[in-house]
N, C-alpha and C. Protein backbone atom coordinates (compact mmCIF):
# COMPACT_ATOMS: atom_id res chain seq x y z
N MET A 1 1.05 -20.55 -8.02
CA MET A 1 1.61 -20.05 -6.78
C MET A 1 1.82 -18.54 -6.82
N GLY A 2 2.17 -18.01 -7.99
CA GLY A 2 2.36 -16.57 -8.13
C GLY A 2 1.09 -15.80 -7.85
N GLU A 3 -0.03 -16.34 -8.33
CA GLU A 3 -1.31 -15.67 -8.08
C GLU A 3 -1.66 -15.70 -6.59
N LEU A 4 -1.35 -16.80 -5.93
CA LEU A 4 -1.60 -16.90 -4.49
C LEU A 4 -0.78 -15.86 -3.73
N LEU A 5 0.50 -15.73 -4.07
CA LEU A 5 1.33 -14.72 -3.42
C LEU A 5 0.77 -13.32 -3.66
N GLY A 6 0.30 -13.08 -4.88
CA GLY A 6 -0.30 -11.78 -5.20
C GLY A 6 -1.57 -11.55 -4.40
N ASP A 7 -2.38 -12.58 -4.25
CA ASP A 7 -3.62 -12.45 -3.47
C ASP A 7 -3.32 -12.20 -2.00
N ILE A 8 -2.30 -12.87 -1.48
CA ILE A 8 -1.91 -12.65 -0.08
C ILE A 8 -1.42 -11.21 0.09
N ALA A 9 -0.60 -10.74 -0.83
CA ALA A 9 -0.10 -9.37 -0.77
C ALA A 9 -1.26 -8.37 -0.83
N ALA A 10 -2.20 -8.60 -1.74
CA ALA A 10 -3.35 -7.70 -1.87
C ALA A 10 -4.19 -7.70 -0.60
N THR A 11 -4.33 -8.85 0.02
CA THR A 11 -5.09 -8.93 1.26
C THR A 11 -4.41 -8.11 2.35
N PHE A 12 -3.09 -8.25 2.46
CA PHE A 12 -2.36 -7.50 3.48
C PHE A 12 -2.48 -5.99 3.27
N ILE A 13 -2.36 -5.50 2.04
CA ILE A 13 -2.42 -4.06 1.84
C ILE A 13 -3.85 -3.56 2.04
N GLY A 14 -4.83 -4.38 1.67
CA GLY A 14 -6.22 -3.99 1.92
C GLY A 14 -6.52 -3.89 3.41
N LEU A 15 -6.06 -4.89 4.17
CA LEU A 15 -6.25 -4.86 5.63
C LEU A 15 -5.48 -3.70 6.26
N SER A 16 -4.33 -3.40 5.70
CA SER A 16 -3.55 -2.27 6.19
C SER A 16 -4.33 -0.96 6.01
N GLY A 17 -4.91 -0.78 4.83
CA GLY A 17 -5.72 0.42 4.59
C GLY A 17 -6.91 0.49 5.53
N LEU A 18 -7.55 -0.65 5.76
CA LEU A 18 -8.68 -0.70 6.70
C LEU A 18 -8.23 -0.33 8.11
N ALA A 19 -7.07 -0.84 8.53
CA ALA A 19 -6.54 -0.52 9.85
C ALA A 19 -6.23 0.97 9.97
N VAL A 20 -5.74 1.59 8.89
CA VAL A 20 -5.48 3.03 8.91
C VAL A 20 -6.77 3.80 9.15
N VAL A 21 -7.83 3.41 8.46
CA VAL A 21 -9.12 4.08 8.65
C VAL A 21 -9.59 3.94 10.10
N VAL A 22 -9.48 2.73 10.65
CA VAL A 22 -9.87 2.50 12.05
C VAL A 22 -9.00 3.35 12.98
N GLY A 23 -7.69 3.39 12.70
CA GLY A 23 -6.79 4.20 13.53
C GLY A 23 -7.14 5.67 13.51
N VAL A 24 -7.51 6.19 12.35
CA VAL A 24 -7.90 7.59 12.24
C VAL A 24 -9.19 7.84 13.04
N ILE A 25 -10.14 6.95 12.91
CA ILE A 25 -11.39 7.09 13.68
C ILE A 25 -11.09 7.08 15.18
N LEU A 26 -10.22 6.18 15.60
CA LEU A 26 -9.88 6.09 17.03
C LEU A 26 -9.26 7.38 17.55
N ILE A 27 -8.32 7.95 16.81
CA ILE A 27 -7.67 9.16 17.31
C ILE A 27 -8.62 10.35 17.26
N ARG A 28 -9.51 10.38 16.29
CA ARG A 28 -10.50 11.46 16.25
C ARG A 28 -11.47 11.38 17.42
N ARG A 29 -11.66 10.17 17.94
CA ARG A 29 -12.49 9.98 19.14
C ARG A 29 -11.69 10.15 20.41
N GLY A 30 -10.41 10.47 20.28
CA GLY A 30 -9.56 10.72 21.43
C GLY A 30 -8.99 9.48 22.08
N ASN A 31 -9.04 8.36 21.41
CA ASN A 31 -8.55 7.11 21.98
C ASN A 31 -7.04 7.00 21.75
N ARG A 32 -6.29 7.42 22.76
CA ARG A 32 -4.82 7.42 22.65
C ARG A 32 -4.20 6.10 23.08
N VAL A 33 -5.03 5.14 23.46
CA VAL A 33 -4.52 3.81 23.80
C VAL A 33 -4.56 2.91 22.57
N TRP A 34 -5.70 2.84 21.92
CA TRP A 34 -5.85 1.91 20.79
C TRP A 34 -5.35 2.48 19.47
N HIS A 35 -5.33 3.80 19.32
CA HIS A 35 -4.84 4.39 18.07
C HIS A 35 -3.44 3.91 17.72
N PRO A 36 -2.45 4.04 18.62
CA PRO A 36 -1.11 3.60 18.23
C PRO A 36 -1.03 2.10 17.98
N ARG A 37 -1.80 1.33 18.71
CA ARG A 37 -1.79 -0.12 18.52
C ARG A 37 -2.30 -0.48 17.12
N VAL A 38 -3.40 0.13 16.74
CA VAL A 38 -3.99 -0.17 15.43
C VAL A 38 -3.08 0.34 14.31
N MET A 39 -2.45 1.49 14.51
CA MET A 39 -1.57 2.02 13.47
C MET A 39 -0.31 1.17 13.34
N LEU A 40 0.16 0.60 14.44
CA LEU A 40 1.30 -0.33 14.33
C LEU A 40 0.88 -1.60 13.60
N VAL A 41 -0.35 -2.06 13.84
CA VAL A 41 -0.86 -3.21 13.08
C VAL A 41 -0.91 -2.86 11.59
N ALA A 42 -1.39 -1.66 11.27
CA ALA A 42 -1.44 -1.21 9.87
C ALA A 42 -0.05 -1.22 9.25
N THR A 43 0.94 -0.78 10.01
CA THR A 43 2.32 -0.74 9.52
C THR A 43 2.87 -2.14 9.29
N VAL A 44 2.61 -3.03 10.23
CA VAL A 44 3.06 -4.42 10.08
C VAL A 44 2.39 -5.07 8.87
N LEU A 45 1.10 -4.83 8.69
CA LEU A 45 0.40 -5.39 7.52
C LEU A 45 0.97 -4.85 6.22
N ALA A 46 1.30 -3.56 6.20
CA ALA A 46 1.91 -2.97 5.00
C ALA A 46 3.29 -3.58 4.75
N ALA A 47 4.04 -3.82 5.81
CA ALA A 47 5.35 -4.45 5.65
C ALA A 47 5.20 -5.89 5.13
N LEU A 48 4.21 -6.60 5.63
CA LEU A 48 3.94 -7.96 5.13
C LEU A 48 3.54 -7.93 3.66
N PHE A 49 2.75 -6.91 3.29
CA PHE A 49 2.42 -6.74 1.87
C PHE A 49 3.71 -6.65 1.05
N LEU A 50 4.60 -5.79 1.49
CA LEU A 50 5.84 -5.57 0.75
C LEU A 50 6.64 -6.86 0.62
N VAL A 51 6.71 -7.64 1.68
CA VAL A 51 7.44 -8.91 1.65
C VAL A 51 6.82 -9.84 0.60
N PHE A 52 5.51 -10.01 0.64
CA PHE A 52 4.86 -10.93 -0.29
C PHE A 52 4.88 -10.40 -1.72
N TYR A 53 4.76 -9.09 -1.89
CA TYR A 53 4.83 -8.51 -3.23
C TYR A 53 6.22 -8.74 -3.84
N LEU A 54 7.25 -8.46 -3.06
CA LEU A 54 8.61 -8.64 -3.56
C LEU A 54 8.93 -10.12 -3.78
N LEU A 55 8.40 -10.98 -2.95
CA LEU A 55 8.57 -12.42 -3.14
C LEU A 55 7.93 -12.86 -4.46
N LYS A 56 6.71 -12.41 -4.70
CA LYS A 56 6.04 -12.72 -5.97
C LYS A 56 6.83 -12.18 -7.15
N TRP A 57 7.25 -10.95 -7.04
CA TRP A 57 8.01 -10.32 -8.13
C TRP A 57 9.33 -11.06 -8.36
N GLY A 58 10.02 -11.41 -7.29
CA GLY A 58 11.30 -12.09 -7.42
C GLY A 58 11.17 -13.50 -7.99
N LEU A 59 10.11 -14.20 -7.62
CA LEU A 59 9.95 -15.58 -8.09
C LEU A 59 9.29 -15.69 -9.45
N TYR A 60 8.38 -14.78 -9.76
CA TYR A 60 7.57 -14.94 -10.97
C TYR A 60 7.66 -13.78 -11.95
N GLY A 61 8.40 -12.75 -11.62
CA GLY A 61 8.54 -11.64 -12.55
C GLY A 61 7.33 -10.72 -12.53
N THR A 62 7.23 -9.91 -13.56
CA THR A 62 6.18 -8.89 -13.61
C THR A 62 5.05 -9.31 -14.54
N THR A 63 3.99 -8.53 -14.47
CA THR A 63 2.83 -8.72 -15.35
C THR A 63 2.63 -7.41 -16.11
N ARG A 64 2.43 -7.52 -17.40
CA ARG A 64 2.22 -6.30 -18.20
C ARG A 64 0.76 -6.17 -18.57
N TYR A 65 0.36 -4.93 -18.82
CA TYR A 65 -1.00 -4.65 -19.23
C TYR A 65 -1.18 -5.08 -20.68
N ALA A 66 -2.22 -5.87 -20.94
CA ALA A 66 -2.50 -6.32 -22.30
C ALA A 66 -3.98 -6.11 -22.62
N GLY A 67 -4.57 -5.12 -21.99
CA GLY A 67 -6.00 -4.86 -22.17
C GLY A 67 -6.28 -3.95 -23.35
N PRO A 68 -7.50 -3.43 -23.38
CA PRO A 68 -7.91 -2.54 -24.48
C PRO A 68 -7.00 -1.33 -24.61
N GLU A 69 -6.65 -1.03 -25.83
CA GLU A 69 -5.73 0.07 -26.11
C GLU A 69 -6.27 1.41 -25.60
N GLU A 70 -7.56 1.61 -25.68
CA GLU A 70 -8.14 2.89 -25.25
C GLU A 70 -8.05 3.10 -23.74
N TRP A 71 -7.76 2.06 -22.97
CA TRP A 71 -7.60 2.17 -21.52
C TRP A 71 -6.13 2.26 -21.10
N ARG A 72 -5.22 2.06 -22.05
CA ARG A 72 -3.80 1.99 -21.73
C ARG A 72 -3.30 3.26 -21.03
N ALA A 73 -3.61 4.43 -21.55
CA ALA A 73 -3.12 5.68 -20.95
C ALA A 73 -3.65 5.84 -19.53
N ALA A 74 -4.92 5.54 -19.31
CA ALA A 74 -5.49 5.65 -17.97
C ALA A 74 -4.83 4.65 -17.02
N TYR A 75 -4.60 3.43 -17.50
CA TYR A 75 -3.96 2.42 -16.67
C TYR A 75 -2.56 2.86 -16.27
N TYR A 76 -1.77 3.34 -17.22
CA TYR A 76 -0.40 3.75 -16.92
C TYR A 76 -0.35 5.01 -16.06
N ALA A 77 -1.31 5.91 -16.22
CA ALA A 77 -1.38 7.08 -15.33
C ALA A 77 -1.63 6.63 -13.90
N LEU A 78 -2.55 5.68 -13.74
CA LEU A 78 -2.83 5.13 -12.42
C LEU A 78 -1.61 4.41 -11.87
N LEU A 79 -0.97 3.59 -12.69
CA LEU A 79 0.20 2.82 -12.25
C LEU A 79 1.35 3.74 -11.84
N ILE A 80 1.61 4.78 -12.62
CA ILE A 80 2.71 5.70 -12.31
C ILE A 80 2.43 6.46 -11.01
N SER A 81 1.20 6.98 -10.88
CA SER A 81 0.87 7.70 -9.64
C SER A 81 0.95 6.76 -8.44
N HIS A 82 0.47 5.54 -8.60
CA HIS A 82 0.53 4.55 -7.52
C HIS A 82 1.99 4.25 -7.15
N THR A 83 2.83 4.04 -8.12
CA THR A 83 4.22 3.67 -7.87
C THR A 83 4.98 4.80 -7.19
N VAL A 84 4.82 6.01 -7.67
CA VAL A 84 5.51 7.16 -7.07
C VAL A 84 5.06 7.36 -5.62
N LEU A 85 3.75 7.33 -5.41
CA LEU A 85 3.25 7.54 -4.05
C LEU A 85 3.57 6.37 -3.12
N ALA A 86 3.60 5.15 -3.66
CA ALA A 86 3.99 3.99 -2.84
C ALA A 86 5.44 4.14 -2.39
N ALA A 87 6.30 4.62 -3.27
CA ALA A 87 7.71 4.82 -2.91
C ALA A 87 7.86 5.91 -1.85
N LEU A 88 7.00 6.92 -1.90
CA LEU A 88 7.05 7.99 -0.89
C LEU A 88 6.42 7.56 0.43
N ASN A 89 5.45 6.66 0.36
CA ASN A 89 4.69 6.29 1.55
C ASN A 89 5.56 5.64 2.62
N GLY A 90 6.48 4.79 2.23
CA GLY A 90 7.33 4.13 3.22
C GLY A 90 8.09 5.11 4.10
N PRO A 91 8.86 6.03 3.50
CA PRO A 91 9.56 7.02 4.33
C PRO A 91 8.61 7.91 5.14
N LEU A 92 7.45 8.25 4.56
CA LEU A 92 6.48 9.05 5.32
C LEU A 92 6.00 8.32 6.56
N VAL A 93 5.70 7.04 6.42
CA VAL A 93 5.24 6.25 7.56
C VAL A 93 6.34 6.14 8.62
N LEU A 94 7.56 5.91 8.17
CA LEU A 94 8.67 5.84 9.13
C LEU A 94 8.85 7.16 9.87
N TRP A 95 8.68 8.26 9.17
CA TRP A 95 8.76 9.59 9.79
C TRP A 95 7.64 9.77 10.82
N LEU A 96 6.44 9.31 10.49
CA LEU A 96 5.33 9.39 11.44
C LEU A 96 5.63 8.57 12.69
N LEU A 97 6.09 7.35 12.49
CA LEU A 97 6.40 6.49 13.63
C LEU A 97 7.51 7.10 14.50
N TYR A 98 8.54 7.60 13.87
CA TYR A 98 9.64 8.23 14.60
C TYR A 98 9.13 9.36 15.49
N ASN A 99 8.33 10.25 14.91
CA ASN A 99 7.82 11.39 15.67
C ASN A 99 6.85 10.96 16.77
N ALA A 100 6.05 9.94 16.51
CA ALA A 100 5.13 9.44 17.53
C ALA A 100 5.92 8.85 18.70
N PHE A 101 6.94 8.04 18.40
CA PHE A 101 7.74 7.43 19.46
C PHE A 101 8.54 8.47 20.25
N LYS A 102 8.91 9.56 19.60
CA LYS A 102 9.63 10.64 20.28
C LYS A 102 8.69 11.58 21.04
N GLY A 103 7.38 11.36 20.89
CA GLY A 103 6.42 12.20 21.58
C GLY A 103 6.20 13.55 20.92
N ARG A 104 6.61 13.69 19.69
CA ARG A 104 6.41 14.94 18.94
C ARG A 104 5.09 14.87 18.18
N PHE A 105 4.02 14.98 18.93
CA PHE A 105 2.69 14.72 18.35
C PHE A 105 2.22 15.83 17.42
N ALA A 106 2.69 17.05 17.60
CA ALA A 106 2.30 18.13 16.68
C ALA A 106 2.88 17.85 15.29
N VAL A 107 4.14 17.43 15.25
CA VAL A 107 4.77 17.08 13.96
C VAL A 107 4.11 15.83 13.38
N HIS A 108 3.88 14.85 14.24
CA HIS A 108 3.23 13.61 13.82
C HIS A 108 1.87 13.91 13.18
N ARG A 109 1.08 14.72 13.86
CA ARG A 109 -0.27 15.06 13.37
C ARG A 109 -0.19 15.81 12.04
N ALA A 110 0.73 16.75 11.93
CA ALA A 110 0.85 17.55 10.70
C ALA A 110 1.21 16.66 9.51
N TRP A 111 2.15 15.75 9.71
CA TRP A 111 2.55 14.85 8.62
C TRP A 111 1.51 13.79 8.34
N ALA A 112 0.77 13.38 9.37
CA ALA A 112 -0.28 12.36 9.18
C ALA A 112 -1.37 12.87 8.25
N ARG A 113 -1.61 14.17 8.25
CA ARG A 113 -2.63 14.74 7.36
C ARG A 113 -2.29 14.52 5.89
N TRP A 114 -1.00 14.37 5.59
CA TRP A 114 -0.56 14.07 4.22
C TRP A 114 -0.39 12.57 4.01
N THR A 115 0.13 11.90 5.02
CA THR A 115 0.48 10.49 4.86
C THR A 115 -0.75 9.60 4.77
N VAL A 116 -1.77 9.85 5.57
CA VAL A 116 -2.95 8.99 5.55
C VAL A 116 -3.61 8.95 4.17
N PRO A 117 -3.86 10.09 3.54
CA PRO A 117 -4.44 10.01 2.19
C PRO A 117 -3.54 9.29 1.19
N VAL A 118 -2.23 9.50 1.30
CA VAL A 118 -1.31 8.80 0.40
C VAL A 118 -1.40 7.29 0.64
N TRP A 119 -1.37 6.88 1.90
CA TRP A 119 -1.45 5.46 2.26
C TRP A 119 -2.73 4.84 1.70
N LEU A 120 -3.85 5.53 1.90
CA LEU A 120 -5.13 4.99 1.42
C LEU A 120 -5.19 4.97 -0.11
N TYR A 121 -4.66 6.00 -0.76
CA TYR A 121 -4.63 6.01 -2.22
C TYR A 121 -3.81 4.84 -2.75
N VAL A 122 -2.66 4.61 -2.14
CA VAL A 122 -1.79 3.51 -2.57
C VAL A 122 -2.49 2.17 -2.36
N ALA A 123 -3.16 2.01 -1.23
CA ALA A 123 -3.86 0.75 -0.95
C ALA A 123 -5.00 0.51 -1.96
N VAL A 124 -5.80 1.53 -2.20
CA VAL A 124 -6.93 1.36 -3.12
C VAL A 124 -6.47 1.18 -4.56
N THR A 125 -5.53 2.00 -5.00
CA THR A 125 -5.07 1.87 -6.38
C THR A 125 -4.31 0.57 -6.59
N GLY A 126 -3.66 0.08 -5.56
CA GLY A 126 -3.02 -1.23 -5.66
C GLY A 126 -4.03 -2.33 -5.95
N TRP A 127 -5.16 -2.26 -5.28
CA TRP A 127 -6.24 -3.23 -5.53
C TRP A 127 -6.77 -3.08 -6.95
N VAL A 128 -6.96 -1.85 -7.40
CA VAL A 128 -7.48 -1.61 -8.76
C VAL A 128 -6.50 -2.17 -9.79
N ILE A 129 -5.22 -1.87 -9.61
CA ILE A 129 -4.21 -2.37 -10.54
C ILE A 129 -4.19 -3.89 -10.54
N ASP A 130 -4.28 -4.49 -9.36
CA ASP A 130 -4.30 -5.95 -9.26
C ASP A 130 -5.50 -6.53 -10.01
N LEU A 131 -6.66 -5.92 -9.85
CA LEU A 131 -7.86 -6.41 -10.54
C LEU A 131 -7.74 -6.25 -12.06
N VAL A 132 -7.20 -5.12 -12.50
CA VAL A 132 -7.01 -4.89 -13.93
C VAL A 132 -6.07 -5.93 -14.51
N LEU A 133 -4.96 -6.19 -13.81
CA LEU A 133 -3.98 -7.15 -14.33
C LEU A 133 -4.48 -8.58 -14.26
N LYS A 134 -5.36 -8.89 -13.31
CA LYS A 134 -5.95 -10.23 -13.29
C LYS A 134 -6.80 -10.45 -14.54
N ARG A 135 -7.45 -9.39 -14.99
CA ARG A 135 -8.33 -9.50 -16.16
C ARG A 135 -7.57 -9.28 -17.47
N PHE A 136 -6.65 -8.32 -17.47
CA PHE A 136 -6.00 -7.91 -18.72
C PHE A 136 -4.47 -8.02 -18.67
N GLY A 137 -3.94 -8.85 -17.79
CA GLY A 137 -2.50 -8.94 -17.67
C GLY A 137 -1.93 -10.16 -18.37
N GLU A 138 -0.66 -10.05 -18.73
CA GLU A 138 0.08 -11.20 -19.28
C GLU A 138 1.47 -11.18 -18.68
N ALA A 139 2.02 -12.37 -18.48
CA ALA A 139 3.35 -12.48 -17.89
C ALA A 139 4.36 -11.73 -18.75
N ALA A 140 5.16 -10.92 -18.09
CA ALA A 140 6.18 -10.16 -18.80
C ALA A 140 7.57 -10.66 -18.47
N GLY A 141 7.64 -11.65 -17.61
CA GLY A 141 8.94 -12.17 -17.21
C GLY A 141 9.61 -11.23 -16.24
N GLY A 142 10.87 -11.19 -16.27
CA GLY A 142 11.60 -10.33 -15.35
C GLY A 142 12.60 -11.13 -14.57
N ILE A 143 12.70 -10.78 -13.31
CA ILE A 143 13.75 -11.34 -12.48
C ILE A 143 13.52 -12.79 -12.11
N GLY A 144 12.30 -13.29 -12.19
CA GLY A 144 11.94 -14.63 -11.71
C GLY A 144 13.06 -15.64 -11.70
N PHE A 145 13.17 -16.40 -10.64
CA PHE A 145 14.26 -17.37 -10.47
C PHE A 145 13.88 -18.72 -11.05
């Protein structure tokens, strides 16, 4: 069941990243009707990812890297950068939404230039980390109930 929850979470964050790309394409084409709709879908998908990720973590604990020693430093560098940027991404997205809803599109656009790459990096590296841990991970326990 833990793997299923992880797969569901990975699917949501992957779809969220895809929706962000579509949203960026839409706004670059000047589509001010569908851009906000698609970006709200991306936000909801990211929130669903967080729910399923935290559910998996809460019920089954964490997974530790148990792969080749020569890859350990690269894995942890990726994990640390992913974790830091994932923690920053939530507030950045909320700031973007706030400014968009307030009609402050110049501020929204300026911050989106930073937030979109962070969002996509987090989505892609999350998939990479998930794949690495599926192959080289072992249960580390943790909070699991």
